Amino acid sequence: MCLNHSFISKAVLCLRSSLSSVVVETHQYFINRQIMKYFKIIILCFLIASVFSLIGVFVLQSTGLIGKGDSDFKNLPYGIAIGINLGFFLSSFTILLNLKEQVSVNNRYRVMSFFLLPALFVLFVLFAMWDQPWPGVLFCVPYLIVLFIFFLRSKKEAR
């Protein structure tokens, strides 16, 4: 009887350790999945906004609103558009703060994690282009629209 009891206790101990490893692996899978979801948001925002910004530059150059002169800097607005979107890309890494439970459950913190640094970057761009702020604003709008759409989608998924 004593032999049977030790066998059962070893089996229970083995089962308990294997269940705990399954729980840890499941939790780790969930965390990795969440990280990839937020990275996907950041990368898709950059790609979609870059495409729309480049299309906007093309349209503005076609109508003659920007890049009128024949010089080496005629295609500079394309580089500026990509550079501004790259700045937004880097400022959007605060979205990863939503992995912390304190941020993900509080709506104010969620909004701040999505929009605080990008809004500060918009202010920086506006102050940097103070003589002609509208091209800077037009470069910022696509990224903010796409980011807002992803924010609403992630908010809906959190419910």
Protein backbone atom coordinates (compact mmCIF):
# COMPACT_ATOMS: atom_id res chain seq x y z
CA MET A 1 0.00 0.00 0.00
CA CYS A 2 2.84 2.35 0.81
CA LEU A 3 4.45 1.60 -2.53
CA ASN A 4 1.22 2.45 -4.32
CA HIS A 5 0.91 5.75 -2.39
CA SER A 6 4.42 6.88 -3.38
CA PHE A 7 3.68 6.02 -7.01
CA ILE A 8 0.50 8.12 -6.92
CA SER A 9 2.27 11.04 -5.27
CA LYS A 10 5.04 10.90 -7.91
CA ALA A 11 2.44 10.76 -10.67
CA VAL A 12 0.56 13.72 -9.19
CA LEU A 13 3.82 15.66 -8.84
CA CYS A 14 4.76 14.87 -12.45
CA LEU A 15 1.28 15.84 -13.66
CA ARG A 16 1.42 19.08 -11.66
CA SER A 17 4.80 20.06 -13.12
CA SER A 18 3.70 19.26 -16.66
CA LEU A 19 0.49 21.26 -16.19
CA SER A 20 2.44 24.23 -14.88
CA SER A 21 4.77 24.07 -17.89
CA VAL A 22 1.73 24.00 -20.20
CA VAL A 23 0.28 27.04 -18.41
CA VAL A 24 3.61 28.88 -18.71
CA GLU A 25 3.90 28.00 -22.42
CA THR A 26 0.31 29.11 -23.04
CA HIS A 27 0.93 32.38 -21.23
CA GLN A 28 4.16 32.91 -23.18
CA TYR A 29 2.30 32.20 -26.44
CA PHE A 30 -0.34 34.77 -25.50
CA ILE A 31 2.33 37.39 -24.67
CA ASN A 32 4.17 36.72 -27.96
CA ARG A 33 0.91 36.98 -29.86
CA GLN A 34 0.11 40.32 -28.21
CA ILE A 35 3.60 41.66 -28.97
CA MET A 36 3.26 40.67 -32.61
CA LYS A 37 -0.19 42.30 -32.77
CA TYR A 38 1.21 45.64 -31.63
CA PHE A 39 4.27 45.36 -33.88
CA LYS A 40 1.91 44.66 -36.77
CA ILE A 41 -0.03 47.83 -35.92
CA ILE A 42 3.16 49.91 -35.92
CA ILE A 43 4.52 48.47 -39.17
CA LEU A 44 1.19 48.61 -41.03
CA CYS A 45 0.68 52.23 -39.94
CA PHE A 46 4.09 53.09 -41.36
CA LEU A 47 3.56 51.28 -44.65
CA ILE A 48 0.01 52.48 -45.32
CA ALA A 49 0.77 56.08 -44.32
CA SER A 50 3.94 56.09 -46.43
CA VAL A 51 2.03 54.96 -49.50
CA PHE A 52 -0.64 57.62 -48.98
CA SER A 53 2.00 60.30 -48.33
CA LEU A 54 3.88 59.38 -51.50
CA ILE A 55 0.66 59.46 -53.49
CA GLY A 56 -0.10 62.87 -51.97
CA VAL A 57 3.35 64.19 -52.94
CA PHE A 58 2.86 62.88 -56.46
CA VAL A 59 -0.52 64.60 -56.74
CA LEU A 60 0.84 67.88 -55.31
CA GLN A 61 3.76 67.80 -57.74
CA SER A 62 1.50 66.96 -60.66
CA THR A 63 -0.69 69.96 -59.94
CA GLY A 64 2.36 72.20 -59.51
CA LEU A 65 1.73 73.12 -55.88
CA ILE A 66 5.15 71.84 -54.77
CA GLY A 67 8.38 71.09 -56.60
CA LYS A 68 7.85 73.62 -59.41
CA GLY A 69 11.46 74.36 -60.23
CA ASP A 70 13.88 72.27 -62.26
CA SER A 71 16.55 71.55 -59.71
CA ASP A 72 18.18 68.67 -57.93
CA PHE A 73 15.74 69.09 -55.05
CA LYS A 74 12.61 68.45 -57.11
CA ASN A 75 12.14 65.01 -55.53
CA LEU A 76 13.00 66.15 -52.00
CA PRO A 77 9.33 66.09 -50.83
CA TYR A 78 9.32 62.31 -51.34
CA GLY A 79 12.23 61.98 -48.94
CA ILE A 80 10.63 64.37 -46.48
CA ALA A 81 7.39 62.35 -46.56
CA ILE A 82 9.25 59.10 -45.84
CA GLY A 83 11.32 60.83 -43.15
CA ILE A 84 8.26 62.18 -41.38
CA ASN A 85 6.61 58.76 -41.50
CA LEU A 86 9.82 57.21 -40.12
CA GLY A 87 9.66 59.69 -37.23
CA PHE A 88 6.08 58.62 -36.58
CA PHE A 89 7.16 54.99 -36.81
CA LEU A 90 9.75 55.51 -34.08
CA SER A 91 7.39 57.54 -31.91
CA SER A 92 4.75 54.81 -32.13
CA PHE A 93 6.73 52.25 -30.16
CA THR A 94 4.92 53.50 -27.06
CA ILE A 95 2.04 51.36 -28.31
CA LEU A 96 3.93 48.45 -26.76
CA LEU A 97 3.09 49.90 -23.34
CA ASN A 98 -0.35 48.35 -23.87
CA LEU A 99 1.24 45.03 -22.95
CA LYS A 100 1.23 46.22 -19.34
CA GLU A 101 -2.09 45.59 -17.66
CA GLN A 102 -2.19 49.02 -15.98
CA VAL A 103 -2.08 50.69 -19.39
CA SER A 104 -4.39 48.34 -21.25
CA VAL A 105 -7.29 48.65 -18.79
CA ASN A 106 -7.17 52.45 -18.41
CA ASN A 107 -8.59 54.32 -21.42
CA ARG A 108 -6.59 57.48 -20.73
CA TYR A 109 -3.32 55.56 -20.67
CA ARG A 110 -4.30 53.66 -23.82
CA VAL A 111 -4.94 56.91 -25.68
CA MET A 112 -1.68 58.36 -24.41
CA SER A 113 0.28 55.26 -25.43
CA PHE A 114 -1.10 55.52 -28.96
CA PHE A 115 -1.12 59.29 -29.53
CA LEU A 116 1.09 61.25 -27.09
CA LEU A 117 4.47 60.93 -28.82
CA PRO A 118 2.98 61.16 -32.34
CA ALA A 119 1.15 64.36 -31.29
CA LEU A 120 4.41 65.78 -29.93
CA PHE A 121 6.07 64.84 -33.21
CA VAL A 122 3.35 66.74 -35.11
CA LEU A 123 4.09 69.80 -32.99
CA PHE A 124 7.80 69.39 -33.70
CA VAL A 125 7.14 69.20 -37.45
CA LEU A 126 4.88 72.25 -37.31
CA PHE A 127 7.49 74.28 -35.45
CA ALA A 128 10.24 73.06 -37.77
CA MET A 129 8.24 74.14 -40.84
CA TRP A 130 6.87 77.34 -39.37
CA ASP A 131 7.14 79.30 -42.63
CA GLN A 132 4.99 76.79 -44.57
CA PRO A 133 3.22 74.51 -42.08
CA TRP A 134 0.63 72.99 -44.44
CA PRO A 135 2.93 70.55 -46.27
CA GLY A 136 4.06 69.28 -42.88
CA VAL A 137 0.48 68.86 -41.76
CA LEU A 138 -0.40 67.05 -44.98
CA PHE A 139 2.50 64.64 -44.40
CA CYS A 140 1.25 63.94 -40.85
CA VAL A 141 -2.44 63.39 -41.56
CA PRO A 142 -2.26 59.93 -43.21
CA TYR A 143 -0.28 58.41 -40.35
CA LEU A 144 -2.60 59.84 -37.70
CA ILE A 145 -5.70 58.63 -39.55
CA VAL A 146 -4.32 55.09 -39.92
CA LEU A 147 -3.17 55.10 -36.28
CA PHE A 148 -6.63 56.23 -35.16
CA ILE A 149 -8.27 53.41 -37.13
CA PHE A 150 -5.95 50.84 -35.56
CA PHE A 151 -6.63 52.36 -32.13
CA LEU A 152 -10.38 51.90 -32.60
CA ARG A 153 -9.86 48.32 -33.82
CA SER A 154 -7.64 47.43 -30.86
CA LYS A 155 -10.14 49.01 -28.48
CA LYS A 156 -12.93 46.92 -30.00
CA GLU A 157 -10.80 43.75 -29.73
CA ALA A 158 -10.04 44.48 -26.08
CA ARG A 159 -13.74 44.36 -25.18
